[in-house]
Amino acid sequence: MAKQIKKLNVAMIGHGFMGRAHSNAFRQVGCFFDPPYQLQLKVICGRNRGEVEAFAAKWGWEEAQTDWQSVVVKKDVDVVDICAPNHLHAPIAIAAAKAGKIVLCEKPLAMHVTEAEQMANAARGAPNLVWFNYRRVPAIAFAKQLIDRGQVGSPYHYRATYLQSWGGDPDQAGVWRFRRSEAGSGAMGDLLSHSLDLALLLNGPITEVSSLIETFMPGREVDDAVLTLARFANGSIGSFEATRLATGCQNRNYFEIHGSDGAIRFDLEDLNRLEVFDRNDTADIQGAHNVMVTGPGHPYSSHFWPPGHIIGYEHTFIATLSDFLNCLSKQESFHPNFDDAVEVQKLMDAIQSAAQRKTWVSIAAPSSVLRRSS
């Protein structure tokens, strides 16, 4: 007799760029992995009736609705996925958690720390996920494995940049990401949050920050660029830069780690590769190893294509969802979750404060260890 697989009915709030990425993951996860649940695309919700109905028809959602308050309490909905503008994350997540739903949420988690903590408290004990999908880039997951087994030795330097250029496009001037009331911040929440999450995963807690924040475009309400210096609890130092006005850069999410025994470099614009330097190599062959992280033996490689056949951005969401569903079936905590995202929110608030006060700002030690195995 075939094993019965439990069904989970999904409701998604929002249907823009992230709505497409999430819908694709919901539809594709069972094609690449063997999840313990079957996902049913039950309800898609958005503000514009015509747009949400068109989206539902294209992506295979059963129902199209415009009122999220009624959607999150539907008895036939098990999972609420939030990819609406940032100012709606907290009210939707809190209402969904109170209704007993599994809650998935885009980053940044909230508009500020207090709101993020309220969301984490509301979801306490309930399965939840934050879509910091870059943790599931195979090359980044492999970098985590290498660091944990001592490839870089004692870390000295951590450098991260997230550079995009679309912020100067006049055709984008009216998007919600430039309105403080809806986005909360600019490049900080949109881009730097990803860099901070990866830094916490790969190099551990940050204890102190100093920063510079700039808005270049006249009349814009949010930051266009942010520069941050950081001290880590492990004794290393770091620098972070995020901007949506880096002319010539499309989506350069980059980091490098230098330590006593080696170095690691990664650039999302070449996401299937990882540069690894081993100081223990003999002097005559020392140099960066350009590793194609597509298998054999690399994270997630057995689930996608044969070695050497590259994967894309969409696969990071699929792998994230698969890991979450496996944790759900085993009643294990998934990372990154709301608590992890609160720590990122605390860092962003500290960076904002440091820029305003023109001084170093200390960050309280996290309540739990952030260097996760996933």
Protein backbone atom coordinates (compact mmCIF):
# COMPACT_ATOMS: atom_id res chain seq x y z
CA MET A 1 0.00 0.00 0.00
CA ALA A 2 1.34 3.45 -0.94
CA LYS A 3 2.25 5.67 1.97
CA GLN A 4 -0.31 8.37 2.71
CA ILE A 5 1.20 11.85 2.44
CA LYS A 6 -0.47 14.58 4.45
CA LYS A 7 -1.73 17.58 2.52
CA LEU A 8 -1.06 21.15 3.55
CA ASN A 9 -3.25 23.90 2.11
CA VAL A 10 -1.26 27.07 1.46
CA ALA A 11 -2.47 30.67 1.40
CA MET A 12 -0.09 33.31 0.08
CA ILE A 13 -0.48 37.03 0.75
CA GLY A 14 1.14 39.07 -2.02
CA HIS A 15 1.87 38.18 -5.64
CA GLY A 16 4.76 40.28 -6.93
CA PHE A 17 8.32 39.18 -7.64
CA MET A 18 8.53 37.16 -4.42
CA GLY A 19 5.08 35.72 -5.05
CA ARG A 20 6.39 34.16 -8.25
CA ALA A 21 9.49 32.79 -6.52
CA HIS A 22 7.40 31.27 -3.71
CA SER A 23 4.73 29.87 -6.04
CA ASN A 24 7.40 28.17 -8.10
CA ALA A 25 8.89 26.60 -4.96
CA PHE A 26 5.49 25.33 -3.80
CA ARG A 27 4.91 23.74 -7.21
CA GLN A 28 8.43 22.36 -7.73
CA VAL A 29 9.52 21.08 -4.32
CA GLY A 30 7.94 17.67 -4.92
CA CYS A 31 9.66 17.39 -8.30
CA PHE A 32 13.19 17.69 -6.91
CA PHE A 33 12.77 16.38 -3.36
CA ASP A 34 10.54 13.85 -1.60
CA PRO A 35 8.79 16.09 0.92
CA PRO A 36 6.66 14.47 3.62
CA TYR A 37 3.74 16.75 2.68
CA GLN A 38 1.79 17.50 -0.46
CA LEU A 39 1.24 21.23 -0.90
CA GLN A 40 -2.07 22.49 -2.23
CA LEU A 41 -2.06 26.05 -3.61
CA LYS A 42 -5.36 27.00 -1.97
CA VAL A 43 -5.64 30.80 -1.85
CA ILE A 44 -3.71 33.72 -3.32
CA CYS A 45 -4.48 37.14 -1.90
CA GLY A 46 -3.71 40.63 -3.22
CA ARG A 47 -5.15 44.12 -3.30
CA ASN A 48 -6.15 44.28 -6.98
CA ARG A 49 -8.87 41.79 -7.91
CA GLY A 50 -7.96 41.60 -11.60
CA GLU A 51 -4.25 41.16 -10.96
CA VAL A 52 -4.68 38.51 -8.30
CA GLU A 53 -7.10 36.52 -10.45
CA ALA A 54 -4.66 36.60 -13.36
CA PHE A 55 -1.87 35.46 -11.06
CA ALA A 56 -4.00 32.62 -9.71
CA ALA A 57 -4.77 31.40 -13.21
CA LYS A 58 -1.12 31.48 -14.31
CA TRP A 59 0.34 29.76 -11.23
CA GLY A 60 -2.47 27.33 -10.40
CA TRP A 61 -3.93 28.82 -7.22
CA GLU A 62 -7.47 27.58 -6.53
CA GLU A 63 -8.91 30.80 -5.13
CA ALA A 64 -8.20 34.52 -5.51
CA GLN A 65 -9.06 36.86 -2.63
CA THR A 66 -8.44 40.51 -1.72
CA ASP A 67 -9.02 40.48 2.06
CA TRP A 68 -6.09 38.94 3.97
CA GLN A 69 -7.91 39.14 7.32
CA SER A 70 -10.49 36.62 6.16
CA VAL A 71 -7.88 34.42 4.44
CA VAL A 72 -5.65 33.83 7.48
CA VAL A 73 -8.52 32.46 9.57
CA LYS A 74 -9.92 30.11 6.92
CA LYS A 75 -10.38 26.64 8.39
CA ASP A 76 -9.12 24.99 5.19
CA VAL A 77 -5.79 26.88 5.29
CA ASP A 78 -2.82 25.29 7.07
CA VAL A 79 0.05 27.53 5.93
CA VAL A 80 0.15 31.32 5.54
CA ASP A 81 3.00 32.62 3.39
CA ILE A 82 3.68 36.37 3.58
CA CYS A 83 5.29 38.18 0.66
CA ALA A 84 3.39 41.45 1.01
CA PRO A 85 5.11 44.82 1.62
CA ASN A 86 7.08 44.99 4.87
CA HIS A 87 4.56 47.01 6.88
CA LEU A 88 2.05 44.17 6.54
CA HIS A 89 4.36 41.42 7.80
CA ALA A 90 3.58 41.91 11.49
CA PRO A 91 -0.23 42.17 11.38
CA ILE A 92 -0.55 39.23 9.00
CA ALA A 93 1.94 37.01 10.84
CA ILE A 94 0.49 37.73 14.27
CA ALA A 95 -3.08 37.10 13.08
CA ALA A 96 -2.03 33.89 11.32
CA ALA A 97 -0.13 32.63 14.37
CA LYS A 98 -3.11 33.34 16.61
CA ALA A 99 -5.26 31.34 14.17
CA GLY A 100 -2.91 28.37 14.62
CA LYS A 101 -1.35 28.50 11.17
CA ILE A 102 2.17 27.62 10.05
CA VAL A 103 3.71 30.99 9.14
CA LEU A 104 6.25 31.70 6.41
CA CYS A 105 7.48 35.29 5.98
CA GLU A 106 9.70 37.25 3.63
CA LYS A 107 12.59 39.35 4.91
CA PRO A 108 13.12 41.74 6.54
CA LEU A 109 10.89 40.27 9.21
CA ALA A 110 9.48 43.59 10.42
CA MET A 111 9.71 47.38 10.36
CA HIS A 112 11.67 47.51 13.65
CA VAL A 113 12.80 45.37 16.59
CA THR A 114 9.70 45.77 18.75
CA GLU A 115 7.49 44.59 15.91
CA ALA A 116 9.84 41.68 15.13
CA GLU A 117 9.80 40.55 18.76
CA GLN A 118 6.01 40.70 18.82
CA MET A 119 5.93 38.45 15.75
CA ALA A 120 8.40 35.99 17.27
CA ASN A 121 6.42 35.85 20.51
CA ALA A 122 3.15 35.30 18.66
CA ALA A 123 4.68 32.40 16.72
CA ARG A 124 6.42 30.86 19.73
CA GLY A 125 6.01 27.10 19.61
CA ALA A 126 4.49 27.16 16.12
CA PRO A 127 6.43 26.21 12.97
CA ASN A 128 7.74 29.29 11.18
CA LEU A 129 10.22 30.27 8.49
CA VAL A 130 11.88 33.44 7.24
CA TRP A 131 12.87 33.39 3.57
CA PHE A 132 16.59 34.09 3.93
CA ASN A 133 16.94 31.81 0.92
CA TYR A 134 20.65 32.44 0.29
CA ARG A 135 21.52 30.05 3.11
CA ARG A 136 20.44 27.30 0.71
CA VAL A 137 22.71 28.30 -2.18
CA PRO A 138 24.77 25.08 -2.42
CA ALA A 139 28.05 27.03 -2.52
CA ILE A 140 27.11 28.93 0.65
CA ALA A 141 25.98 25.75 2.43
CA PHE A 142 29.31 24.21 1.40
CA ALA A 143 31.18 27.28 2.69
CA LYS A 144 29.49 26.71 6.05
CA GLN A 145 30.69 23.10 6.07
CA LEU A 146 34.25 24.16 5.23
CA ILE A 147 34.31 26.81 7.97
CA ASP A 148 32.96 24.38 10.55
CA ARG A 149 35.68 21.87 9.76
CA GLY A 150 38.41 24.50 10.14
CA GLN A 151 39.21 25.41 6.54
CA VAL A 152 39.87 29.08 7.35
CA GLY A 153 41.27 28.50 10.85
CA SER A 154 40.83 31.46 13.20
CA PRO A 155 38.81 34.14 11.35
CA TYR A 156 40.38 37.57 10.98
CA HIS A 157 38.30 39.43 8.40
CA TYR A 158 34.73 39.15 7.11
CA ARG A 159 33.76 41.37 4.16
CA ALA A 160 30.35 41.53 2.55
CA THR A 161 28.79 43.67 -0.16
CA TYR A 162 25.33 43.55 -1.69
CA LEU A 163 25.28 45.83 -4.72
CA GLN A 164 22.40 46.54 -7.08
CA SER A 165 21.83 49.44 -9.50
CA TRP A 166 18.08 49.67 -10.09
CA GLY A 167 17.57 52.36 -7.43
CA GLY A 168 18.39 55.11 -9.92
CA ASP A 169 15.88 53.98 -12.55
CA PRO A 170 13.17 56.67 -12.91
CA ASP A 171 10.68 54.00 -13.96
CA GLN A 172 11.00 52.47 -10.47
CA ALA A 173 10.44 55.74 -8.58
CA GLY A 174 6.92 54.88 -7.42
CA VAL A 175 7.52 51.37 -6.06
CA TRP A 176 6.61 50.67 -2.44
CA ARG A 177 10.23 49.85 -1.54
CA PHE A 178 11.02 53.58 -1.64
CA ARG A 179 8.23 54.56 0.77
CA ARG A 180 9.24 54.47 4.44
CA SER A 181 5.65 53.87 5.55
CA GLU A 182 5.59 50.57 3.65
CA ALA A 183 9.23 49.46 3.53
CA GLY A 184 10.64 50.80 6.80
CA SER A 185 14.09 51.15 5.24
CA GLY A 186 15.76 50.98 1.85
CA ALA A 187 18.93 49.11 0.95
CA MET A 188 19.30 48.16 4.62
CA GLY A 189 16.21 46.00 4.90
CA ASP A 190 16.15 44.91 1.28
CA LEU A 191 19.82 43.91 0.86
CA LEU A 192 21.87 44.31 4.02
CA SER A 193 19.51 42.01 5.94
CA HIS A 194 20.64 39.14 3.68
CA SER A 195 24.31 39.94 4.26
CA LEU A 196 23.84 40.12 8.02
CA ASP A 197 21.99 36.81 8.13
CA LEU A 198 24.80 35.09 6.23
CA ALA A 199 27.43 36.69 8.45
CA LEU A 200 25.69 35.40 11.57
CA LEU A 201 25.48 31.93 10.02
CA LEU A 202 29.08 31.79 8.80
CA ASN A 203 31.00 33.89 11.34
CA GLY A 204 28.83 34.10 14.45
CA PRO A 205 27.36 36.94 16.53
CA ILE A 206 28.27 40.59 15.99
CA THR A 207 28.97 42.58 19.14
CA GLU A 208 29.52 46.16 17.94
CA VAL A 209 28.85 48.31 14.85
CA SER A 210 29.66 51.72 13.42
CA SER A 211 27.94 52.93 10.28
CA LEU A 212 27.26 55.53 7.61
CA ILE A 213 23.88 55.78 5.86
CA GLU A 214 23.17 57.91 2.79
CA THR A 215 20.20 58.83 0.61
CA PHE A 216 21.27 60.17 -2.79
CA MET A 217 17.99 60.58 -4.67
CA PRO A 218 16.13 63.85 -3.97
CA GLY A 219 12.88 63.38 -2.10
CA ARG A 220 13.47 59.72 -1.37
CA GLU A 221 12.27 58.58 2.07
CA VAL A 222 14.59 55.61 2.60
CA ASP A 223 18.32 54.91 2.53
CA ASP A 224 20.03 54.34 -0.82
CA ALA A 225 23.27 53.07 0.70
CA VAL A 226 24.69 51.83 3.99
CA LEU A 227 28.29 51.19 5.08
CA THR A 228 29.02 49.33 8.33
CA LEU A 229 32.07 48.29 10.31
CA ALA A 230 31.60 45.43 12.76
CA ARG A 231 33.30 43.47 15.52
CA PHE A 232 32.42 39.79 15.89
CA ALA A 233 32.29 37.80 19.11
CA ASN A 234 35.01 35.47 17.76
CA GLY A 235 37.50 38.36 17.65
CA SER A 236 37.36 39.02 13.91
CA ILE A 237 36.38 42.31 12.30
CA GLY A 238 34.04 42.92 9.39
CA SER A 239 32.75 45.39 6.87
CA PHE A 240 29.40 45.53 5.10
CA GLU A 241 28.16 47.62 2.18
CA ALA A 242 24.70 47.60 0.64
CA THR A 243 23.30 49.89 -2.04
CA ARG A 244 20.78 49.98 -4.86
CA LEU A 245 22.81 52.65 -6.68
CA ALA A 246 25.93 50.65 -7.60
CA THR A 247 25.95 51.37 -11.32
CA GLY A 248 27.06 48.29 -13.26
CA CYS A 249 26.09 45.77 -10.57
CA GLN A 250 22.92 43.77 -11.03
CA ASN A 251 22.79 41.52 -7.97
CA ARG A 252 26.28 41.26 -6.48
CA ASN A 253 25.76 39.53 -3.16
CA TYR A 254 29.40 38.90 -2.22
CA PHE A 255 31.32 37.85 0.87
CA GLU A 256 34.83 36.77 1.72
CA ILE A 257 36.34 35.37 4.90
CA HIS A 258 40.07 35.45 5.69
CA GLY A 259 41.56 33.41 8.51
CA SER A 260 44.78 31.95 9.84
CA ASP A 261 44.62 28.87 7.59
CA GLY A 262 42.67 29.93 4.54
CA ALA A 263 40.07 32.05 2.83
CA ILE A 264 36.68 31.66 1.16
CA ARG A 265 35.01 33.93 -1.42
CA PHE A 266 31.53 33.86 -2.94
CA ASP A 267 29.60 36.00 -5.44
CA LEU A 268 25.90 35.37 -6.13
CA GLU A 269 26.37 36.53 -9.71
CA ASP A 270 28.35 33.28 -10.13
CA LEU A 271 26.35 31.25 -7.63
CA ASN A 272 27.54 27.79 -8.64
CA ARG A 273 31.16 28.55 -7.73
CA LEU A 274 33.13 29.02 -4.54
CA GLU A 275 36.72 30.23 -4.26
CA VAL A 276 38.71 28.40 -1.58
CA PHE A 277 42.29 29.21 -0.56
CA ASP A 278 44.22 26.74 1.58
CA ARG A 279 47.32 28.07 3.31
CA ASN A 280 48.51 24.50 3.85
CA ASP A 281 49.07 24.02 0.12
CA THR A 282 52.74 24.01 -0.79
CA ALA A 283 54.07 27.41 -1.81
CA ASP A 284 54.51 26.44 -5.45
CA ILE A 285 50.79 25.71 -5.95
CA GLN A 286 49.18 28.15 -3.53
CA GLY A 287 46.24 30.00 -5.02
CA ALA A 288 42.47 30.12 -5.02
CA HIS A 289 40.70 26.87 -5.88
CA ASN A 290 37.74 27.73 -8.10
CA VAL A 291 35.28 25.02 -7.05
CA MET A 292 32.12 24.33 -9.04
CA VAL A 293 29.68 23.36 -6.28
CA THR A 294 27.36 21.16 -8.32
CA GLY A 295 28.46 17.79 -6.98
CA PRO A 296 29.32 15.13 -6.45
CA GLY A 297 28.95 15.27 -2.70
CA HIS A 298 28.04 18.94 -2.45
CA PRO A 299 24.93 20.21 -0.60
CA TYR A 300 21.68 19.51 -2.51
CA SER A 301 23.57 18.25 -5.58
CA SER A 302 21.86 14.87 -5.55
CA HIS A 303 18.44 16.55 -5.83
CA PHE A 304 19.02 18.75 -8.87
CA TRP A 305 21.10 18.07 -11.99
CA PRO A 306 24.21 15.94 -12.72
CA PRO A 307 27.60 17.42 -11.71
CA GLY A 308 28.57 20.41 -13.82
CA HIS A 309 24.96 21.25 -14.71
CA ILE A 310 24.39 24.58 -13.00
CA ILE A 311 21.35 25.59 -10.99
CA GLY A 312 19.68 29.00 -10.59
CA TYR A 313 18.16 31.45 -8.15
CA GLU A 314 14.83 29.61 -8.01
CA HIS A 315 16.43 26.44 -6.64
CA THR A 316 17.38 28.21 -3.40
CA PHE A 317 13.69 28.65 -2.54
CA ILE A 318 12.93 25.04 -3.44
CA ALA A 319 15.72 23.75 -1.17
CA THR A 320 14.64 26.09 1.65
CA LEU A 321 11.08 24.80 1.47
CA SER A 322 12.20 21.17 1.39
CA ASP A 323 14.33 21.61 4.51
CA PHE A 324 11.46 23.34 6.27
CA LEU A 325 8.97 20.57 5.45
CA ASN A 326 11.39 17.91 6.68
CA CYS A 327 11.86 19.78 9.96
CA LEU A 328 8.11 20.15 10.24
CA SER A 329 7.52 16.41 9.86
CA LYS A 330 10.17 15.65 12.50
CA GLN A 331 8.87 18.40 14.83
CA GLU A 332 12.32 20.02 14.76
CA SER A 333 13.09 23.73 14.74
CA PHE A 334 13.90 25.16 11.33
CA HIS A 335 16.47 27.89 10.75
CA PRO A 336 16.28 30.69 9.87
CA ASN A 337 13.10 31.27 11.86
CA PHE A 338 11.50 34.33 13.44
CA ASP A 339 13.96 34.29 16.36
CA ASP A 340 16.91 34.31 13.96
CA ALA A 341 15.35 37.19 12.03
CA VAL A 342 14.90 39.17 15.26
CA GLU A 343 18.69 39.12 15.68
CA VAL A 344 19.08 40.52 12.17
CA GLN A 345 16.52 43.20 13.02
CA LYS A 346 18.48 44.12 16.17
CA LEU A 347 21.60 44.57 14.07
CA MET A 348 19.80 46.81 11.57
CA ASP A 349 18.41 48.95 14.38
CA ALA A 350 21.91 49.22 15.90
CA ILE A 351 23.33 50.20 12.50
CA GLN A 352 20.67 52.90 12.14
CA SER A 353 21.41 54.16 15.65
CA ALA A 354 25.17 54.18 15.05
CA ALA A 355 24.74 56.31 11.92
CA GLN A 356 22.48 58.78 13.70
CA ARG A 357 24.73 59.06 16.77
CA LYS A 358 27.99 58.93 14.80
CA THR A 359 29.47 56.43 17.26
CA TRP A 360 29.97 52.71 17.88
CA VAL A 361 26.91 50.88 19.19
CA SER A 362 27.03 47.62 21.14
CA ILE A 363 24.65 44.75 20.44
CA ALA A 364 23.34 42.61 23.27
CA ALA A 365 24.34 38.95 23.09
CA PRO A 366 21.68 36.84 21.34
CA SER A 367 19.46 34.68 23.49
CA SER A 368 20.47 31.60 21.53
CA VAL A 369 23.48 30.52 19.53
CA LEU A 370 23.10 31.68 15.93
CA ARG A 371 25.71 29.56 14.18
CA ARG A 372 23.31 26.94 12.92
CA SER A 373 24.08 23.78 11.05
CA SER A 374 21.51 24.72 8.39
